[in-house]
Amino acid sequence: MPSILKPLAGVLPIAPTPFTDSGEVDIDGQRRVLDCMVDQGVDGICILANYSEQFLLTDAERDTLVDVCLSHVRGRVPVIVTCSHFSTRIAVERARKAASAGAAMLMLMPPYHGASLRADEKGMLEHFARVADSGLPIMIQDAPLSGVALPVAFLLRLVREVPQVRYLKVEVPNAAAKLRSLIEAAGDAIAGPFDGEESITLMADLDAGATGTMPSALLPDRIKPVLELHRAGRRKEAAAAYARILPLINFENRQCGLRATKTVMAAGAVIRSDAVRHPLEPLHPATRAGLLELAAEVNPLALHWGK
């Protein structure tokens, strides 16, 4: 089982799961996605997250992708495996498989299923504690998608009572304020305060003390300099670099969602198809054109990696 010698920081993007036009998992395309992401200079790669269309994958496909991704990356960068599930038993089993395959970290949302099936704080604490038996560090994903409120007080309790919970990905409204409160109260107990949401609130979150971000794989090579400049105390330059890429990030976040990365990677010959699985629908041609126009101005590696 790999260990993380120092806290993970920087840009840890979500890997998309490429499909063929007929809807099958494109294993060769997945390997190319991972190689492209390594070339983007990422500090780690997260697989099987929501932006990986994890909710549209079979259990067998998940198992295959864990093995393919971990074996192909071969330790070039740390790999985080998302193990979210409402069932504690299934989440634990996913965590064990990820640990056996060589994952560096796990990411989980709180257990939820629809609008009414949610665990209370006691149930959530037990859920994460059992997953922690895998021995891997855990990142908690605090996102509106779950519909589960994770108050600062509960997250602090979770960090203190489940030592494996060392990382928090905060992507709720007013993320910067929540990150600031968590950092001030928990200090070094939180090894990695991160944001998400395609890095759409990155500057405010960095100012609040975030040490990393988990965007898509669309433009991590353009996001990373923002973090590096900010870390070096060159905030004005970081803000200027961020301003140059914000229109693309905003278009991705508000107009495209997870389809943006696939569209750009297909245009850049990283993958053969930008297909998504039904009931998701492909981008409207006008939206696609708008995305590629903005991407051309920023020219991320994904737009030309395979050409």
Protein backbone atom coordinates (compact mmCIF):
# COMPACT_ATOMS: atom_id res chain seq x y z
CA MET A 1 0.00 0.00 0.00
CA PRO A 2 1.54 3.35 -1.01
CA SER A 3 2.06 6.08 1.55
CA ILE A 4 1.95 9.81 1.01
CA LEU A 5 5.20 11.20 2.39
CA LYS A 6 3.93 14.78 2.39
CA PRO A 7 0.42 16.20 2.06
CA LEU A 8 -0.94 16.27 -1.44
CA ALA A 9 -1.38 19.79 -2.78
CA GLY A 10 -1.76 21.49 -6.12
CA VAL A 11 -3.96 20.38 -9.01
CA LEU A 12 -5.64 16.97 -8.76
CA PRO A 13 -8.04 16.80 -11.71
CA ILE A 14 -10.82 14.34 -12.37
CA ALA A 15 -10.13 11.88 -15.18
CA PRO A 16 -13.00 11.49 -17.65
CA THR A 17 -14.09 8.00 -18.67
CA PRO A 18 -14.03 7.82 -22.47
CA PHE A 19 -16.63 5.77 -24.33
CA THR A 20 -16.84 4.57 -27.88
CA ASP A 21 -19.59 5.91 -30.10
CA SER A 22 -21.56 2.78 -29.25
CA GLY A 23 -21.23 3.45 -25.52
CA GLU A 24 -18.56 0.94 -24.47
CA VAL A 25 -15.71 1.92 -22.17
CA ASP A 26 -12.72 2.85 -24.34
CA ILE A 27 -9.79 1.30 -22.46
CA ASP A 28 -7.16 2.51 -24.91
CA GLY A 29 -8.69 5.96 -24.74
CA GLN A 30 -8.55 5.81 -20.94
CA ARG A 31 -4.82 5.16 -21.08
CA ARG A 32 -4.38 8.11 -23.43
CA VAL A 33 -6.39 10.32 -21.08
CA LEU A 34 -4.08 9.38 -18.21
CA ASP A 35 -0.94 10.01 -20.28
CA CYS A 36 -2.28 13.40 -21.35
CA MET A 37 -3.02 14.30 -17.74
CA VAL A 38 0.49 13.35 -16.63
CA ASP A 39 1.83 15.55 -19.44
CA GLN A 40 -0.41 18.36 -18.19
CA GLY A 41 1.82 18.45 -15.10
CA VAL A 42 -0.90 17.45 -12.67
CA ASP A 43 -0.03 16.71 -9.06
CA GLY A 44 -2.37 13.72 -8.93
CA ILE A 45 -5.31 12.15 -10.75
CA CYS A 46 -8.74 11.31 -9.37
CA ILE A 47 -10.70 8.52 -11.06
CA LEU A 48 -14.30 7.30 -10.88
CA ALA A 49 -15.66 10.63 -9.64
CA ASN A 50 -18.90 12.24 -10.78
CA TYR A 51 -17.08 13.91 -13.66
CA SER A 52 -15.91 10.42 -14.59
CA GLU A 53 -19.58 9.44 -15.03
CA GLN A 54 -19.18 6.97 -12.17
CA PHE A 55 -22.96 6.85 -11.76
CA LEU A 56 -23.24 5.34 -15.26
CA LEU A 57 -20.67 2.56 -14.81
CA THR A 58 -21.31 -1.06 -13.88
CA ASP A 59 -19.48 -2.61 -10.93
CA ALA A 60 -17.44 -4.72 -13.34
CA GLU A 61 -16.45 -1.64 -15.33
CA ARG A 62 -15.39 0.11 -12.12
CA ASP A 63 -13.17 -2.81 -11.15
CA THR A 64 -11.62 -2.88 -14.61
CA LEU A 65 -10.96 0.86 -14.59
CA VAL A 66 -9.32 0.75 -11.15
CA ASP A 67 -6.90 -1.90 -12.39
CA VAL A 68 -6.28 -0.23 -15.75
CA CYS A 69 -5.73 3.24 -14.31
CA LEU A 70 -3.46 2.23 -11.42
CA SER A 71 -1.37 -0.12 -13.56
CA HIS A 72 -1.02 2.40 -16.37
CA VAL A 73 -0.12 5.40 -14.23
CA ARG A 74 2.49 3.23 -12.50
CA GLY A 75 3.21 5.70 -9.73
CA ARG A 76 4.00 8.61 -12.03
CA VAL A 77 1.55 10.66 -9.96
CA PRO A 78 -0.67 9.70 -7.01
CA VAL A 79 -4.08 8.31 -7.95
CA ILE A 80 -7.18 9.04 -5.88
CA VAL A 81 -10.06 6.58 -6.25
CA THR A 82 -13.63 7.69 -5.59
CA CYS A 83 -15.50 5.07 -3.57
CA SER A 84 -18.80 6.81 -2.82
CA HIS A 85 -21.87 4.65 -2.24
CA PHE A 86 -24.91 4.77 0.03
CA SER A 87 -24.12 1.28 1.28
CA THR A 88 -21.32 1.24 3.83
CA ARG A 89 -20.56 -2.37 2.91
CA ILE A 90 -20.07 -1.48 -0.76
CA ALA A 91 -18.05 1.65 0.01
CA VAL A 92 -15.76 -0.43 2.25
CA GLU A 93 -15.31 -3.07 -0.45
CA ARG A 94 -14.51 -0.41 -3.03
CA ALA A 95 -11.96 1.10 -0.64
CA ARG A 96 -10.28 -2.26 -0.12
CA LYS A 97 -10.01 -2.86 -3.85
CA ALA A 98 -8.57 0.61 -4.39
CA ALA A 99 -5.99 0.06 -1.65
CA SER A 100 -5.01 -3.32 -3.08
CA ALA A 101 -4.56 -1.80 -6.53
CA GLY A 102 -2.19 0.87 -5.20
CA ALA A 103 -4.37 3.96 -4.74
CA ALA A 104 -2.84 6.83 -2.79
CA MET A 105 -6.11 8.17 -1.43
CA LEU A 106 -9.87 7.68 -1.41
CA MET A 107 -12.54 10.27 -2.09
CA LEU A 108 -16.09 9.87 -0.82
CA MET A 109 -19.30 11.81 -0.67
CA PRO A 110 -21.52 11.31 2.38
CA PRO A 111 -23.97 8.42 2.00
CA TYR A 112 -27.17 9.53 0.30
CA HIS A 113 -29.76 8.14 -2.07
CA GLY A 114 -32.29 10.48 -3.56
CA ALA A 115 -34.01 13.22 -1.63
CA SER A 116 -35.04 11.26 1.45
CA LEU A 117 -32.46 8.55 2.13
CA ARG A 118 -29.60 10.18 3.98
CA ALA A 119 -27.58 9.11 6.99
CA ASP A 120 -27.59 11.22 10.12
CA GLU A 121 -24.32 12.45 11.62
CA LYS A 122 -23.86 9.28 13.65
CA GLY A 123 -24.38 7.15 10.55
CA MET A 124 -22.01 9.28 8.48
CA LEU A 125 -19.32 9.08 11.14
CA GLU A 126 -19.61 5.30 11.27
CA HIS A 127 -19.64 5.08 7.46
CA PHE A 128 -16.38 7.00 7.08
CA ALA A 129 -14.77 5.22 10.04
CA ARG A 130 -15.39 1.81 8.46
CA VAL A 131 -14.03 2.95 5.11
CA ALA A 132 -10.96 4.25 6.96
CA ASP A 133 -10.08 0.65 7.85
CA SER A 134 -8.57 0.49 4.35
CA GLY A 135 -5.65 2.44 5.80
CA LEU A 136 -5.70 5.07 3.04
CA PRO A 137 -6.12 8.81 3.58
CA ILE A 138 -9.65 9.98 2.85
CA MET A 139 -10.91 13.11 1.13
CA ILE A 140 -14.48 14.06 1.97
CA GLN A 141 -16.36 15.63 -0.94
CA ASP A 142 -18.64 18.35 0.38
CA ALA A 143 -20.83 19.06 -2.65
CA PRO A 144 -24.41 20.24 -3.22
CA LEU A 145 -25.11 17.18 -5.39
CA SER A 146 -25.58 14.98 -2.33
CA GLY A 147 -28.12 17.28 -0.71
CA VAL A 148 -26.42 16.43 2.59
CA ALA A 149 -25.36 19.30 4.81
CA LEU A 150 -21.89 18.90 6.28
CA PRO A 151 -21.61 21.70 8.83
CA VAL A 152 -18.20 22.93 9.91
CA ALA A 153 -18.75 21.52 13.39
CA PHE A 154 -19.44 18.03 12.02
CA LEU A 155 -16.47 18.10 9.65
CA LEU A 156 -14.22 19.11 12.54
CA ARG A 157 -15.58 16.22 14.60
CA LEU A 158 -15.02 13.86 11.67
CA VAL A 159 -11.42 14.97 11.21
CA ARG A 160 -10.72 14.54 14.92
CA GLU A 161 -12.45 11.17 15.38
CA VAL A 162 -11.43 9.51 12.11
CA PRO A 163 -7.71 10.24 11.66
CA GLN A 164 -7.68 8.95 8.08
CA VAL A 165 -9.93 11.86 7.08
CA ARG A 166 -7.19 14.35 6.24
CA TYR A 167 -8.53 16.08 3.13
CA LEU A 168 -11.68 18.08 2.42
CA LYS A 169 -12.96 19.06 -1.02
CA VAL A 170 -15.33 21.96 -0.42
CA GLU A 171 -17.47 22.97 -3.39
CA VAL A 172 -20.57 24.39 -1.76
CA PRO A 173 -21.73 28.02 -2.09
CA ASN A 174 -19.48 30.35 -0.08
CA ALA A 175 -16.72 27.75 -0.21
CA ALA A 176 -14.03 30.27 0.77
CA ALA A 177 -15.78 31.17 4.01
CA LYS A 178 -16.24 27.50 4.90
CA LEU A 179 -12.63 26.68 4.07
CA ARG A 180 -11.42 29.58 6.19
CA SER A 181 -13.50 28.43 9.16
CA LEU A 182 -12.27 24.85 8.84
CA ILE A 183 -8.63 25.84 8.55
CA GLU A 184 -8.80 28.24 11.48
CA ALA A 185 -10.45 25.64 13.71
CA ALA A 186 -8.63 22.48 12.63
CA GLY A 187 -5.16 23.71 11.72
CA ASP A 188 -2.77 20.92 10.76
CA ALA A 189 -5.45 18.27 11.35
CA ILE A 190 -6.57 19.04 7.79
CA ALA A 191 -3.66 18.09 5.53
CA GLY A 192 -5.40 19.26 2.37
CA PRO A 193 -8.14 21.87 2.18
CA PHE A 194 -9.23 21.76 -1.47
CA ASP A 195 -11.89 23.31 -3.63
CA GLY A 196 -13.66 21.91 -6.68
CA GLU A 197 -16.44 23.05 -9.01
CA GLU A 198 -14.03 23.26 -11.95
CA SER A 199 -11.95 25.79 -9.93
CA ILE A 200 -14.57 28.47 -10.57
CA THR A 201 -13.94 30.04 -7.13
CA LEU A 202 -10.21 29.34 -7.06
CA MET A 203 -8.78 32.77 -6.21
CA ALA A 204 -11.11 33.31 -3.27
CA ASP A 205 -10.43 29.79 -2.04
CA LEU A 206 -6.66 30.21 -2.30
CA ASP A 207 -6.95 33.46 -0.36
CA ALA A 208 -8.87 31.51 2.29
CA GLY A 209 -6.04 28.97 2.63
CA ALA A 210 -6.88 26.22 0.15
CA THR A 211 -3.76 24.29 -0.82
CA GLY A 212 -5.18 22.61 -3.88
CA THR A 213 -8.00 22.32 -6.36
CA MET A 214 -9.80 19.43 -8.07
CA PRO A 215 -10.98 20.64 -11.47
CA SER A 216 -11.76 18.66 -14.57
CA ALA A 217 -8.99 17.54 -16.92
CA LEU A 218 -9.87 20.31 -19.39
CA LEU A 219 -7.12 22.80 -18.53
CA PRO A 220 -5.11 21.81 -15.43
CA ASP A 221 -1.93 22.94 -17.18
CA ARG A 222 -3.38 26.47 -17.26
CA ILE A 223 -4.72 26.30 -13.71
CA LYS A 224 -1.50 25.10 -12.10
CA PRO A 225 0.44 28.36 -12.68
CA VAL A 226 -2.26 30.21 -10.73
CA LEU A 227 -1.57 28.07 -7.67
CA GLU A 228 2.18 28.32 -8.09
CA LEU A 229 2.11 32.11 -8.38
CA HIS A 230 -0.23 32.43 -5.42
CA ARG A 231 1.94 30.10 -3.33
CA ALA A 232 4.98 32.22 -4.19
CA GLY A 233 3.26 35.34 -2.88
CA ARG A 234 2.74 36.80 -6.35
CA ARG A 235 -0.97 37.27 -5.94
CA LYS A 236 -1.50 39.95 -8.60
CA GLU A 237 0.16 37.76 -11.19
CA ALA A 238 -1.91 34.80 -10.03
CA ALA A 239 -5.08 36.85 -10.38
CA ALA A 240 -4.08 37.94 -13.87
CA ALA A 241 -3.34 34.36 -14.93
CA TYR A 242 -6.69 33.27 -13.50
CA ALA A 243 -8.55 36.06 -15.28
CA ARG A 244 -7.24 34.79 -18.62
CA ILE A 245 -8.71 31.33 -18.12
CA LEU A 246 -11.86 32.22 -16.19
CA PRO A 247 -14.12 32.63 -19.26
CA LEU A 248 -13.38 29.03 -20.27
CA ILE A 249 -13.84 27.75 -16.72
CA ASN A 250 -17.12 29.63 -16.43
CA PHE A 251 -18.38 28.24 -19.75
CA GLU A 252 -17.44 24.75 -18.68
CA ASN A 253 -19.12 25.11 -15.29
CA ARG A 254 -22.31 26.80 -16.46
CA GLN A 255 -22.87 25.44 -19.97
CA CYS A 256 -21.18 22.06 -20.38
CA GLY A 257 -20.43 20.19 -17.19
CA LEU A 258 -18.48 16.97 -17.59
CA ARG A 259 -18.93 17.03 -21.38
CA ALA A 260 -16.46 19.90 -21.78
CA THR A 261 -13.34 17.84 -21.14
CA LYS A 262 -14.45 15.09 -23.49
CA THR A 263 -15.26 17.58 -26.24
CA VAL A 264 -11.87 19.28 -26.00
CA MET A 265 -9.99 15.98 -25.67
CA ALA A 266 -11.75 14.63 -28.76
CA ALA A 267 -10.88 17.79 -30.67
CA GLY A 268 -7.29 17.37 -29.50
CA ALA A 269 -7.15 13.71 -30.58
CA VAL A 270 -6.65 12.49 -27.02
CA ILE A 271 -9.75 10.33 -27.37
CA ARG A 272 -11.66 9.17 -30.43
CA SER A 273 -15.15 10.06 -29.23
CA ASP A 274 -16.69 12.56 -26.84
CA ALA A 275 -19.68 10.28 -26.26
CA VAL A 276 -21.50 10.33 -22.94
CA ARG A 277 -23.85 7.65 -21.72
CA HIS A 278 -27.60 8.07 -21.90
CA PRO A 279 -29.56 9.70 -20.34
CA LEU A 280 -26.84 12.34 -20.65
CA GLU A 281 -26.98 14.07 -24.01
CA PRO A 282 -24.14 15.41 -26.18
CA LEU A 283 -23.50 19.13 -26.31
CA HIS A 284 -25.61 21.20 -28.67
CA PRO A 285 -23.52 22.13 -31.73
CA ALA A 286 -23.67 25.82 -30.82
CA THR A 287 -22.52 25.11 -27.28
CA ARG A 288 -19.74 22.91 -28.60
CA ALA A 289 -18.61 25.68 -30.95
CA GLY A 290 -18.61 28.21 -28.13
CA LEU A 291 -16.56 25.91 -25.92
CA LEU A 292 -13.96 25.22 -28.61
CA GLU A 293 -13.71 28.92 -29.44
CA LEU A 294 -12.87 29.76 -25.83
CA ALA A 295 -10.55 26.77 -25.56
CA ALA A 296 -8.62 27.90 -28.63
CA GLU A 297 -7.91 31.23 -26.93
CA VAL A 298 -6.47 29.48 -23.87
CA ASN A 299 -4.92 26.60 -25.86
CA PRO A 300 -4.74 23.96 -23.12
CA LEU A 301 -2.65 20.88 -23.80
CA ALA A 302 -5.77 18.73 -24.16
CA LEU A 303 -6.70 20.66 -27.29
CA HIS A 304 -3.62 19.53 -29.21
CA TRP A 305 -2.00 16.70 -27.24
CA GLY A 306 -2.77 13.96 -29.77
CA LYS A 307 -2.26 15.92 -32.96
